[in-house]
All heavy atoms as atom14 arrays in JSON, in Angstrom:
{
  "sequence": "VIWTKKVKNPEAYGVVNLNEKNEIIELVEKPETFVSDQAVIGIYYF",
  "atom14_mask": [
    [1, 1, 1, 1, 1, 1, 1, 0, 0, 0, 0, 0, 0, 0],
    [1, 1, 1, 1, 1, 1, 1, 1, 0, 0, 0, 0, 0, 0],
    [1, 1, 1, 1, 1, 1, 1, 1, 1, 1, 1, 1, 1, 1],
    [1, 1, 1, 1, 1, 1, 1, 0, 0, 0, 0, 0, 0, 0],
    [1, 1, 1, 1, 1, 1, 1, 1, 1, 0, 0, 0, 0, 0],
    [1, 1, 1, 1, 1, 1, 1, 1, 1, 0, 0, 0, 0, 0],
    [1, 1, 1, 1, 1, 1, 1, 0, 0, 0, 0, 0, 0, 0],
    [1, 1, 1, 1, 1, 1, 1, 1, 1, 0, 0, 0, 0, 0],
    [1, 1, 1, 1, 1, 1, 1, 1, 0, 0, 0, 0, 0, 0],
    [1, 1, 1, 1, 1, 1, 1, 0, 0, 0, 0, 0, 0, 0],
    [1, 1, 1, 1, 1, 1, 1, 1, 1, 0, 0, 0, 0, 0],
    [1, 1, 1, 1, 1, 0, 0, 0, 0, 0, 0, 0, 0, 0],
    [1, 1, 1, 1, 1, 1, 1, 1, 1, 1, 1, 1, 0, 0],
    [1, 1, 1, 1, 0, 0, 0, 0, 0, 0, 0, 0, 0, 0],
    [1, 1, 1, 1, 1, 1, 1, 0, 0, 0, 0, 0, 0, 0],
    [1, 1, 1, 1, 1, 1, 1, 0, 0, 0, 0, 0, 0, 0],
    [1, 1, 1, 1, 1, 1, 1, 1, 0, 0, 0, 0, 0, 0],
    [1, 1, 1, 1, 1, 1, 1, 1, 0, 0, 0, 0, 0, 0],
    [1, 1, 1, 1, 1, 1, 1, 1, 0, 0, 0, 0, 0, 0],
    [1, 1, 1, 1, 1, 1, 1, 1, 1, 0, 0, 0, 0, 0],
    [1, 1, 1, 1, 1, 1, 1, 1, 1, 0, 0, 0, 0, 0],
    [1, 1, 1, 1, 1, 1, 1, 1, 0, 0, 0, 0, 0, 0],
    [1, 1, 1, 1, 1, 1, 1, 1, 1, 0, 0, 0, 0, 0],
    [1, 1, 1, 1, 1, 1, 1, 1, 0, 0, 0, 0, 0, 0],
    [1, 1, 1, 1, 1, 1, 1, 1, 0, 0, 0, 0, 0, 0],
    [1, 1, 1, 1, 1, 1, 1, 1, 1, 0, 0, 0, 0, 0],
    [1, 1, 1, 1, 1, 1, 1, 1, 0, 0, 0, 0, 0, 0],
    [1, 1, 1, 1, 1, 1, 1, 0, 0, 0, 0, 0, 0, 0],
    [1, 1, 1, 1, 1, 1, 1, 1, 1, 0, 0, 0, 0, 0],
    [1, 1, 1, 1, 1, 1, 1, 1, 1, 0, 0, 0, 0, 0],
    [1, 1, 1, 1, 1, 1, 1, 0, 0, 0, 0, 0, 0, 0],
    [1, 1, 1, 1, 1, 1, 1, 1, 1, 0, 0, 0, 0, 0],
    [1, 1, 1, 1, 1, 1, 1, 0, 0, 0, 0, 0, 0, 0],
    [1, 1, 1, 1, 1, 1, 1, 1, 1, 1, 1, 0, 0, 0],
    [1, 1, 1, 1, 1, 1, 1, 0, 0, 0, 0, 0, 0, 0],
    [1, 1, 1, 1, 1, 1, 0, 0, 0, 0, 0, 0, 0, 0],
    [1, 1, 1, 1, 1, 1, 1, 1, 0, 0, 0, 0, 0, 0],
    [1, 1, 1, 1, 1, 1, 1, 1, 1, 0, 0, 0, 0, 0],
    [1, 1, 1, 1, 1, 0, 0, 0, 0, 0, 0, 0, 0, 0],
    [1, 1, 1, 1, 1, 1, 1, 0, 0, 0, 0, 0, 0, 0],
    [1, 1, 1, 1, 1, 1, 1, 1, 0, 0, 0, 0, 0, 0],
    [1, 1, 1, 1, 0, 0, 0, 0, 0, 0, 0, 0, 0, 0],
    [1, 1, 1, 1, 1, 1, 1, 1, 0, 0, 0, 0, 0, 0],
    [1, 1, 1, 1, 1, 1, 1, 1, 1, 1, 1, 1, 0, 0],
    [1, 1, 1, 1, 1, 1, 1, 1, 1, 1, 1, 1, 0, 0],
    [1, 1, 1, 1, 1, 1, 1, 1, 1, 1, 1, 0, 0, 0]
  ],
  "atom14_positions": [
    [[-57.29, 56.89, 128.71], [-56.52, 55.86, 128.02], [-57.34, 54.59, 127.99], [-57.92, 54.19, 129.0], [-55.17, 55.6, 128.73], [-54.44, 54.43, 128.08], [-54.3, 56.85, 128.72], [0.0, 0.0, 0.0], [0.0, 0.0, 0.0], [0.0, 0.0, 0.0], [0.0, 0.0, 0.0], [0.0, 0.0, 0.0], [0.0, 0.0, 0.0], [0.0, 0.0, 0.0]],
    [[-57.44, 53.98, 126.82], [-58.1, 52.68, 126.68], [-57.02, 51.65, 126.4], [-56.27, 51.77, 125.43], [-59.14, 52.7, 125.55], [-60.24, 53.73, 125.85], [-59.75, 51.31, 125.34], [-61.28, 53.87, 124.75], [0.0, 0.0, 0.0], [0.0, 0.0, 0.0], [0.0, 0.0, 0.0], [0.0, 0.0, 0.0], [0.0, 0.0, 0.0], [0.0, 0.0, 0.0]],
    [[-56.93, 50.64, 127.25], [-55.9, 49.63, 127.08], [-56.32, 48.65, 125.99], [-57.47, 48.18, 125.96], [-55.65, 48.9, 128.4], [-55.1, 49.81, 129.47], [-55.06, 51.17, 129.45], [-54.52, 49.41, 130.7], [-54.5, 51.64, 130.6], [-54.16, 50.59, 131.39], [-54.28, 48.19, 131.3], [-53.56, 50.57, 132.64], [-53.69, 48.16, 132.56], [-53.32, 49.34, 133.22]],
    [[-55.35, 48.34, 125.12], [-55.64, 47.5, 123.95], [-54.56, 46.44, 123.8], [-53.48, 46.52, 124.37], [-55.7, 48.34, 122.66], [-54.41, 48.94, 122.43], [-56.75, 49.44, 122.76], [0.0, 0.0, 0.0], [0.0, 0.0, 0.0], [0.0, 0.0, 0.0], [0.0, 0.0, 0.0], [0.0, 0.0, 0.0], [0.0, 0.0, 0.0], [0.0, 0.0, 0.0]],
    [[-54.9, 45.46, 122.97], [-53.95, 44.39, 122.61], [-54.06, 44.13, 121.11], [-55.16, 44.01, 120.57], [-54.27, 43.1, 123.37], [-53.37, 41.92, 122.98], [-51.95, 42.09, 123.47], [-51.08, 40.85, 123.28], [-50.79, 40.57, 121.86], [0.0, 0.0, 0.0], [0.0, 0.0, 0.0], [0.0, 0.0, 0.0], [0.0, 0.0, 0.0], [0.0, 0.0, 0.0]],
    [[-52.91, 44.06, 120.45], [-52.9, 43.74, 119.02], [-53.38, 42.31, 118.82], [-52.88, 41.38, 119.46], [-51.49, 43.91, 118.46], [-51.41, 43.72, 116.95], [-50.0, 44.01, 116.45], [-49.91, 43.85, 114.94], [-48.54, 44.15, 114.44], [0.0, 0.0, 0.0], [0.0, 0.0, 0.0], [0.0, 0.0, 0.0], [0.0, 0.0, 0.0], [0.0, 0.0, 0.0]],
    [[-54.34, 42.1, 117.93], [-54.92, 40.78, 117.7], [-54.86, 40.44, 116.21], [-54.78, 41.31, 115.35], [-56.39, 40.71, 118.2], [-56.45, 40.86, 119.71], [-57.25, 41.78, 117.52], [0.0, 0.0, 0.0], [0.0, 0.0, 0.0], [0.0, 0.0, 0.0], [0.0, 0.0, 0.0], [0.0, 0.0, 0.0], [0.0, 0.0, 0.0], [0.0, 0.0, 0.0]],
    [[-54.9, 39.13, 115.94], [-54.83, 38.67, 114.55], [-56.18, 38.72, 113.84], [-56.23, 38.8, 112.62], [-54.28, 37.23, 114.52], [-52.84, 37.11, 115.0], [-52.38, 35.66, 114.93], [-50.93, 35.53, 115.39], [-50.47, 34.1, 115.36], [0.0, 0.0, 0.0], [0.0, 0.0, 0.0], [0.0, 0.0, 0.0], [0.0, 0.0, 0.0], [0.0, 0.0, 0.0]],
    [[-57.27, 38.68, 114.62], [-58.6, 38.65, 114.03], [-59.47, 39.76, 114.6], [-60.39, 39.49, 115.39], [-59.27, 37.28, 114.24], [-59.26, 36.87, 115.71], [-58.39, 37.27, 116.49], [-60.24, 36.07, 116.1], [0.0, 0.0, 0.0], [0.0, 0.0, 0.0], [0.0, 0.0, 0.0], [0.0, 0.0, 0.0], [0.0, 0.0, 0.0], [0.0, 0.0, 0.0]],
    [[-59.19, 41.01, 114.26], [-59.92, 42.14, 114.87], [-61.41, 42.12, 114.62], [-62.17, 42.73, 115.38], [-59.27, 43.37, 114.23], [-58.59, 42.87, 112.99], [-58.17, 41.47, 113.3], [0.0, 0.0, 0.0], [0.0, 0.0, 0.0], [0.0, 0.0, 0.0], [0.0, 0.0, 0.0], [0.0, 0.0, 0.0], [0.0, 0.0, 0.0], [0.0, 0.0, 0.0]],
    [[-61.84, 41.4, 113.6], [-63.28, 41.34, 113.32], [-64.06, 40.65, 114.43], [-65.29, 40.75, 114.49], [-63.53, 40.64, 111.98], [-63.21, 39.15, 111.94], [-61.73, 38.84, 111.74], [-60.93, 39.8, 111.61], [-61.39, 37.65, 111.67], [0.0, 0.0, 0.0], [0.0, 0.0, 0.0], [0.0, 0.0, 0.0], [0.0, 0.0, 0.0], [0.0, 0.0, 0.0]],
    [[-63.36, 39.97, 115.32], [-64.03, 39.27, 116.42], [-64.1, 40.11, 117.7], [-64.65, 39.65, 118.7], [-63.31, 37.95, 116.72], [0.0, 0.0, 0.0], [0.0, 0.0, 0.0], [0.0, 0.0, 0.0], [0.0, 0.0, 0.0], [0.0, 0.0, 0.0], [0.0, 0.0, 0.0], [0.0, 0.0, 0.0], [0.0, 0.0, 0.0], [0.0, 0.0, 0.0]],
    [[-63.58, 41.33, 117.65], [-63.47, 42.14, 118.86], [-64.04, 43.54, 118.65], [-64.31, 43.96, 117.52], [-62.0, 42.27, 119.27], [-61.31, 40.98, 119.58], [-60.64, 40.27, 118.58], [-61.34, 40.43, 120.86], [-60.0, 39.07, 118.86], [-60.7, 39.24, 121.15], [-60.03, 38.56, 120.14], [-59.41, 37.37, 120.42], [0.0, 0.0, 0.0], [0.0, 0.0, 0.0]],
    [[-64.16, 44.27, 119.75], [-64.32, 45.7, 119.67], [-62.94, 46.32, 119.52], [-62.02, 45.98, 120.28], [0.0, 0.0, 0.0], [0.0, 0.0, 0.0], [0.0, 0.0, 0.0], [0.0, 0.0, 0.0], [0.0, 0.0, 0.0], [0.0, 0.0, 0.0], [0.0, 0.0, 0.0], [0.0, 0.0, 0.0], [0.0, 0.0, 0.0], [0.0, 0.0, 0.0]],
    [[-62.76, 47.21, 118.56], [-61.44, 47.78, 118.29], [-61.51, 49.3, 118.33], [-62.59, 49.9, 118.3], [-60.88, 47.32, 116.93], [-60.76, 45.8, 116.89], [-61.75, 47.81, 115.78], [0.0, 0.0, 0.0], [0.0, 0.0, 0.0], [0.0, 0.0, 0.0], [0.0, 0.0, 0.0], [0.0, 0.0, 0.0], [0.0, 0.0, 0.0], [0.0, 0.0, 0.0]],
    [[-60.32, 49.93, 118.38], [-60.24, 51.38, 118.35], [-59.84, 51.85, 116.97], [-59.06, 51.18, 116.28], [-59.23, 51.91, 119.4], [-59.69, 51.56, 120.81], [-57.83, 51.37, 119.15], [0.0, 0.0, 0.0], [0.0, 0.0, 0.0], [0.0, 0.0, 0.0], [0.0, 0.0, 0.0], [0.0, 0.0, 0.0], [0.0, 0.0, 0.0], [0.0, 0.0, 0.0]],
    [[-60.38, 52.99, 116.57], [-59.99, 53.65, 115.33], [-59.13, 54.84, 115.71], [-59.52, 55.67, 116.54], [-61.24, 54.1, 114.56], [-60.9, 54.64, 113.19], [-59.78, 54.51, 112.71], [-61.89, 55.26, 112.54], [0.0, 0.0, 0.0], [0.0, 0.0, 0.0], [0.0, 0.0, 0.0], [0.0, 0.0, 0.0], [0.0, 0.0, 0.0], [0.0, 0.0, 0.0]],
    [[-57.92, 54.93, 115.12], [-56.95, 55.95, 115.49], [-56.78, 56.98, 114.37], [-56.87, 56.64, 113.19], [-55.59, 55.3, 115.79], [-55.57, 54.2, 116.85], [-54.19, 53.54, 116.9], [-55.94, 54.76, 118.21], [0.0, 0.0, 0.0], [0.0, 0.0, 0.0], [0.0, 0.0, 0.0], [0.0, 0.0, 0.0], [0.0, 0.0, 0.0], [0.0, 0.0, 0.0]],
    [[-56.49, 58.24, 114.76], [-56.15, 59.26, 113.76], [-54.64, 59.31, 113.58], [-53.89, 58.49, 114.14], [-56.74, 60.62, 114.16], [-56.15, 61.16, 115.45], [-55.12, 60.68, 115.94], [-56.79, 62.17, 116.01], [0.0, 0.0, 0.0], [0.0, 0.0, 0.0], [0.0, 0.0, 0.0], [0.0, 0.0, 0.0], [0.0, 0.0, 0.0], [0.0, 0.0, 0.0]],
    [[-54.16, 60.3, 112.81], [-52.74, 60.38, 112.52], [-51.89, 60.7, 113.74], [-50.68, 60.5, 113.74], [-52.5, 61.44, 111.42], [-52.83, 62.87, 111.82], [-54.31, 63.19, 111.75], [-55.09, 62.29, 111.31], [-54.69, 64.31, 112.11], [0.0, 0.0, 0.0], [0.0, 0.0, 0.0], [0.0, 0.0, 0.0], [0.0, 0.0, 0.0], [0.0, 0.0, 0.0]],
    [[-52.53, 61.19, 114.81], [-51.81, 61.47, 116.06], [-51.86, 60.28, 117.02], [-51.46, 60.39, 118.17], [-52.42, 62.69, 116.75], [-52.35, 63.98, 115.95], [-53.03, 65.11, 116.73], [-53.03, 66.4, 115.95], [-53.73, 67.48, 116.71], [0.0, 0.0, 0.0], [0.0, 0.0, 0.0], [0.0, 0.0, 0.0], [0.0, 0.0, 0.0], [0.0, 0.0, 0.0]],
    [[-52.36, 59.15, 116.53], [-52.55, 57.96, 117.37], [-53.5, 58.22, 118.53], [-53.37, 57.63, 119.61], [-51.22, 57.41, 117.89], [-50.47, 56.62, 116.83], [-51.09, 55.93, 116.01], [-49.16, 56.73, 116.82], [0.0, 0.0, 0.0], [0.0, 0.0, 0.0], [0.0, 0.0, 0.0], [0.0, 0.0, 0.0], [0.0, 0.0, 0.0], [0.0, 0.0, 0.0]],
    [[-54.46, 59.1, 118.3], [-55.53, 59.34, 119.26], [-56.75, 58.51, 118.84], [-57.01, 58.34, 117.64], [-55.9, 60.82, 119.29], [-54.78, 61.72, 119.76], [-55.08, 63.19, 119.58], [-56.08, 63.52, 118.87], [-54.33, 64.02, 120.12], [0.0, 0.0, 0.0], [0.0, 0.0, 0.0], [0.0, 0.0, 0.0], [0.0, 0.0, 0.0], [0.0, 0.0, 0.0]],
    [[-57.47, 58.01, 119.83], [-58.66, 57.22, 119.53], [-59.81, 58.16, 119.16], [-60.16, 59.05, 119.93], [-59.06, 56.35, 120.73], [-57.9, 55.44, 121.15], [-60.3, 55.51, 120.41], [-58.14, 54.72, 122.47], [0.0, 0.0, 0.0], [0.0, 0.0, 0.0], [0.0, 0.0, 0.0], [0.0, 0.0, 0.0], [0.0, 0.0, 0.0], [0.0, 0.0, 0.0]],
    [[-60.38, 57.94, 118.0], [-61.48, 58.79, 117.56], [-62.79, 58.02, 117.45], [-63.86, 58.61, 117.26], [-61.17, 59.46, 116.2], [-60.83, 58.41, 115.14], [-60.03, 60.47, 116.36], [-60.66, 58.97, 113.74], [0.0, 0.0, 0.0], [0.0, 0.0, 0.0], [0.0, 0.0, 0.0], [0.0, 0.0, 0.0], [0.0, 0.0, 0.0], [0.0, 0.0, 0.0]],
    [[-62.72, 56.68, 117.6], [-63.93, 55.89, 117.42], [-63.74, 54.51, 118.04], [-62.63, 53.96, 118.05], [-64.25, 55.75, 115.92], [-65.57, 55.09, 115.6], [-65.8, 54.96, 114.1], [-64.83, 55.13, 113.32], [-66.95, 54.67, 113.71], [0.0, 0.0, 0.0], [0.0, 0.0, 0.0], [0.0, 0.0, 0.0], [0.0, 0.0, 0.0], [0.0, 0.0, 0.0]],
    [[-64.81, 53.96, 118.59], [-64.86, 52.57, 119.02], [-65.76, 51.81, 118.05], [-66.9, 52.23, 117.81], [-65.41, 52.46, 120.44], [-64.63, 53.18, 121.54], [-65.37, 53.06, 122.87], [-63.21, 52.64, 121.66], [0.0, 0.0, 0.0], [0.0, 0.0, 0.0], [0.0, 0.0, 0.0], [0.0, 0.0, 0.0], [0.0, 0.0, 0.0], [0.0, 0.0, 0.0]],
    [[-65.26, 50.72, 117.52], [-66.02, 49.96, 116.52], [-66.13, 48.52, 117.01], [-65.13, 47.85, 117.26], [-65.34, 50.0, 115.14], [-66.2, 49.27, 114.11], [-65.08, 51.44, 114.71], [0.0, 0.0, 0.0], [0.0, 0.0, 0.0], [0.0, 0.0, 0.0], [0.0, 0.0, 0.0], [0.0, 0.0, 0.0], [0.0, 0.0, 0.0], [0.0, 0.0, 0.0]],
    [[-67.36, 48.03, 117.13], [-67.61, 46.68, 117.62], [-67.63, 45.69, 116.47], [-68.42, 45.82, 115.53], [-68.93, 46.63, 118.38], [-69.23, 45.31, 119.06], [-68.26, 44.98, 120.19], [-67.7, 45.93, 120.78], [-68.08, 43.78, 120.47], [0.0, 0.0, 0.0], [0.0, 0.0, 0.0], [0.0, 0.0, 0.0], [0.0, 0.0, 0.0], [0.0, 0.0, 0.0]],
    [[-66.73, 44.72, 116.49], [-66.65, 43.64, 115.51], [-66.77, 44.18, 114.08], [-67.73, 43.9, 113.36], [-67.73, 42.59, 115.79], [-67.54, 41.89, 117.12], [-68.58, 40.81, 117.38], [-68.34, 40.14, 118.73], [-69.34, 39.1, 119.03], [0.0, 0.0, 0.0], [0.0, 0.0, 0.0], [0.0, 0.0, 0.0], [0.0, 0.0, 0.0], [0.0, 0.0, 0.0]],
    [[-65.77, 44.94, 113.63], [-65.84, 45.58, 112.3], [-65.83, 44.57, 111.16], [-65.06, 43.61, 111.17], [-64.58, 46.45, 112.27], [-63.64, 45.77, 113.23], [-64.5, 45.21, 114.33], [0.0, 0.0, 0.0], [0.0, 0.0, 0.0], [0.0, 0.0, 0.0], [0.0, 0.0, 0.0], [0.0, 0.0, 0.0], [0.0, 0.0, 0.0], [0.0, 0.0, 0.0]],
    [[-66.7, 44.78, 110.2], [-66.75, 43.9, 109.03], [-65.61, 44.21, 108.05], [-65.17, 43.34, 107.32], [-68.11, 44.03, 108.34], [-69.27, 43.54, 109.2], [-70.6, 43.61, 108.48], [-70.61, 44.0, 107.29], [-71.63, 43.28, 109.09], [0.0, 0.0, 0.0], [0.0, 0.0, 0.0], [0.0, 0.0, 0.0], [0.0, 0.0, 0.0], [0.0, 0.0, 0.0]],
    [[-65.18, 45.47, 108.02], [-64.01, 45.86, 107.24], [-62.93, 46.35, 108.21], [-63.23, 46.81, 109.31], [-64.35, 46.97, 106.23], [-64.88, 48.1, 106.94], [-65.39, 46.48, 105.24], [0.0, 0.0, 0.0], [0.0, 0.0, 0.0], [0.0, 0.0, 0.0], [0.0, 0.0, 0.0], [0.0, 0.0, 0.0], [0.0, 0.0, 0.0], [0.0, 0.0, 0.0]],
    [[-61.68, 46.28, 107.8], [-60.56, 46.56, 108.71], [-60.59, 48.01, 109.19], [-60.68, 48.95, 108.39], [-59.23, 46.27, 108.02], [-58.04, 46.46, 108.93], [-57.67, 45.47, 109.82], [-57.32, 47.65, 108.9], [-56.59, 45.64, 110.67], [-56.23, 47.83, 109.74], [-55.87, 46.83, 110.62], [0.0, 0.0, 0.0], [0.0, 0.0, 0.0], [0.0, 0.0, 0.0]],
    [[-60.52, 48.17, 110.51], [-60.41, 49.48, 111.14], [-59.05, 49.61, 111.81], [-58.31, 50.56, 111.58], [-61.54, 49.69, 112.17], [-61.35, 50.98, 112.94], [-62.9, 49.65, 111.5], [0.0, 0.0, 0.0], [0.0, 0.0, 0.0], [0.0, 0.0, 0.0], [0.0, 0.0, 0.0], [0.0, 0.0, 0.0], [0.0, 0.0, 0.0], [0.0, 0.0, 0.0]],
    [[-58.72, 48.65, 112.66], [-57.39, 48.52, 113.26], [-57.3, 47.13, 113.86], [-58.29, 46.4, 113.93], [-57.16, 49.6, 114.33], [-57.75, 49.22, 115.57], [0.0, 0.0, 0.0], [0.0, 0.0, 0.0], [0.0, 0.0, 0.0], [0.0, 0.0, 0.0], [0.0, 0.0, 0.0], [0.0, 0.0, 0.0], [0.0, 0.0, 0.0], [0.0, 0.0, 0.0]],
    [[-56.1, 46.79, 114.3], [-55.91, 45.48, 114.94], [-55.72, 45.64, 116.45], [-55.23, 44.72, 117.12], [-54.73, 44.73, 114.32], [-53.42, 45.49, 114.4], [-53.39, 46.58, 115.02], [-52.42, 45.02, 113.83], [0.0, 0.0, 0.0], [0.0, 0.0, 0.0], [0.0, 0.0, 0.0], [0.0, 0.0, 0.0], [0.0, 0.0, 0.0], [0.0, 0.0, 0.0]],
    [[-56.14, 46.78, 117.01], [-56.02, 47.05, 118.44], [-57.36, 46.8, 119.12], [-58.29, 47.6, 119.01], [-55.55, 48.49, 118.68], [-54.16, 48.78, 118.14], [-53.09, 47.95, 118.81], [-53.11, 47.76, 120.03], [-52.15, 47.43, 118.03], [0.0, 0.0, 0.0], [0.0, 0.0, 0.0], [0.0, 0.0, 0.0], [0.0, 0.0, 0.0], [0.0, 0.0, 0.0]],
    [[-57.46, 45.67, 119.83], [-58.7, 45.27, 120.47], [-58.81, 45.88, 121.87], [-57.83, 45.94, 122.61], [-58.8, 43.75, 120.56], [0.0, 0.0, 0.0], [0.0, 0.0, 0.0], [0.0, 0.0, 0.0], [0.0, 0.0, 0.0], [0.0, 0.0, 0.0], [0.0, 0.0, 0.0], [0.0, 0.0, 0.0], [0.0, 0.0, 0.0], [0.0, 0.0, 0.0]],
    [[-60.01, 46.3, 122.23], [-60.29, 46.84, 123.56], [-60.39, 45.67, 124.54], [-61.14, 44.72, 124.31], [-61.6, 47.65, 123.55], [-61.94, 48.14, 124.96], [-61.49, 48.83, 122.58], [0.0, 0.0, 0.0], [0.0, 0.0, 0.0], [0.0, 0.0, 0.0], [0.0, 0.0, 0.0], [0.0, 0.0, 0.0], [0.0, 0.0, 0.0], [0.0, 0.0, 0.0]],
    [[-59.66, 45.74, 125.67], [-59.61, 44.6, 126.58], [-60.43, 44.82, 127.85], [-60.52, 43.92, 128.69], [-58.16, 44.25, 126.96], [-57.54, 45.33, 127.84], [-57.32, 44.03, 125.71], [-56.2, 44.92, 128.43], [0.0, 0.0, 0.0], [0.0, 0.0, 0.0], [0.0, 0.0, 0.0], [0.0, 0.0, 0.0], [0.0, 0.0, 0.0], [0.0, 0.0, 0.0]],
    [[-61.02, 46.01, 128.01], [-61.89, 46.23, 129.17], [-61.21, 46.88, 130.36], [-61.66, 46.73, 131.49], [0.0, 0.0, 0.0], [0.0, 0.0, 0.0], [0.0, 0.0, 0.0], [0.0, 0.0, 0.0], [0.0, 0.0, 0.0], [0.0, 0.0, 0.0], [0.0, 0.0, 0.0], [0.0, 0.0, 0.0], [0.0, 0.0, 0.0], [0.0, 0.0, 0.0]],
    [[-60.12, 47.63, 130.11], [-59.45, 48.39, 131.16], [-59.26, 49.81, 130.66], [-58.74, 50.02, 129.54], [-58.1, 47.77, 131.55], [-58.27, 46.29, 131.93], [-57.46, 48.53, 132.71], [-56.97, 45.58, 132.26], [0.0, 0.0, 0.0], [0.0, 0.0, 0.0], [0.0, 0.0, 0.0], [0.0, 0.0, 0.0], [0.0, 0.0, 0.0], [0.0, 0.0, 0.0]],
    [[-59.65, 50.8, 131.48], [-59.68, 52.19, 131.05], [-59.08, 53.08, 132.14], [-59.3, 52.83, 133.33], [-61.12, 52.66, 130.81], [-61.96, 51.74, 129.96], [-62.58, 50.61, 130.52], [-62.16, 51.97, 128.61], [-63.36, 49.76, 129.76], [-62.95, 51.13, 127.83], [-63.54, 50.02, 128.41], [-64.31, 49.19, 127.65], [0.0, 0.0, 0.0], [0.0, 0.0, 0.0]],
    [[-58.37, 54.14, 131.73], [-57.9, 55.17, 132.66], [-58.6, 56.48, 132.31], [-58.71, 56.85, 131.12], [-56.39, 55.35, 132.56], [-55.9, 56.65, 133.14], [-55.78, 56.83, 134.52], [-55.54, 57.72, 132.31], [-55.33, 58.03, 135.05], [-55.1, 58.92, 132.83], [-54.99, 59.08, 134.2], [-54.56, 60.27, 134.73], [0.0, 0.0, 0.0], [0.0, 0.0, 0.0]],
    [[-59.07, 57.18, 133.34], [-59.67, 58.5, 133.15], [-58.96, 59.5, 134.06], [-58.85, 59.27, 135.27], [-61.17, 58.47, 133.48], [-61.95, 57.58, 132.57], [-62.14, 56.23, 132.89], [-62.48, 58.05, 131.38], [-62.84, 55.39, 132.03], [-63.19, 57.22, 130.52], [-63.38, 55.88, 130.85], [0.0, 0.0, 0.0], [0.0, 0.0, 0.0], [0.0, 0.0, 0.0]]
  ]
}
């Protein structure tokens, strides 16, 4: 699990890309085009 926070300016953060099952399929650092508004905050569960 990657803990995230919804942000207004996702282009300034590393964000997660989700599939239709709401599973994370990609990490994108400071996306130039919209990927999602869920920013990675630096807390992870394995």
